[in-house]
């Protein structure tokens, strides 16, 4: 192997790799784009940004009802602990920065009781859905991304059929 040649992460051939992303190397920009186009973690990250923007586009805080210029997406069950609920619209609330940080995160017990009282149907669904284990697939994330772009909120309830048959 000649000096300066690296293995491209897309075509797996040894070439001069001019395009990088961290430790990944690509011989052409096209190979880099194709790699990340079919890379599930990257697609999930991009879809999460679009999902958060959709939730925030409501424009009014779920806690106080006031409209703010900048609204944040607050997940009822955290994305880290419950990744299966990441894109479930019933697991997300629009909140202003103050209520999101100082009420939702700093007073979780009080916030959860408030949520349970204000949204009893969502609470019942989420208590069921949080125990469902279903890993994300590329096709499912692409379908969710399309639903976000079309603003089809019914398609963003991940376990509605399973919940309907269980009750």
Foldseek 3Di string as FASTA:
>chain_A
DDPQWDQAPQPRDTDNFPDDDVPHTHNDPVSVVVVLVQDVVNLVVVLLVLLQVLQQVVQAFPPPRDGDPGWTKAFLDDCVLQVVLSQAPLRIGTHHPCCRPCPCPVPVVVVVVVCCVVPVVSVLLCVVVSPDDDDDDPVLSVVSSVCSVVVPNVSRHPCPVVSVVVD
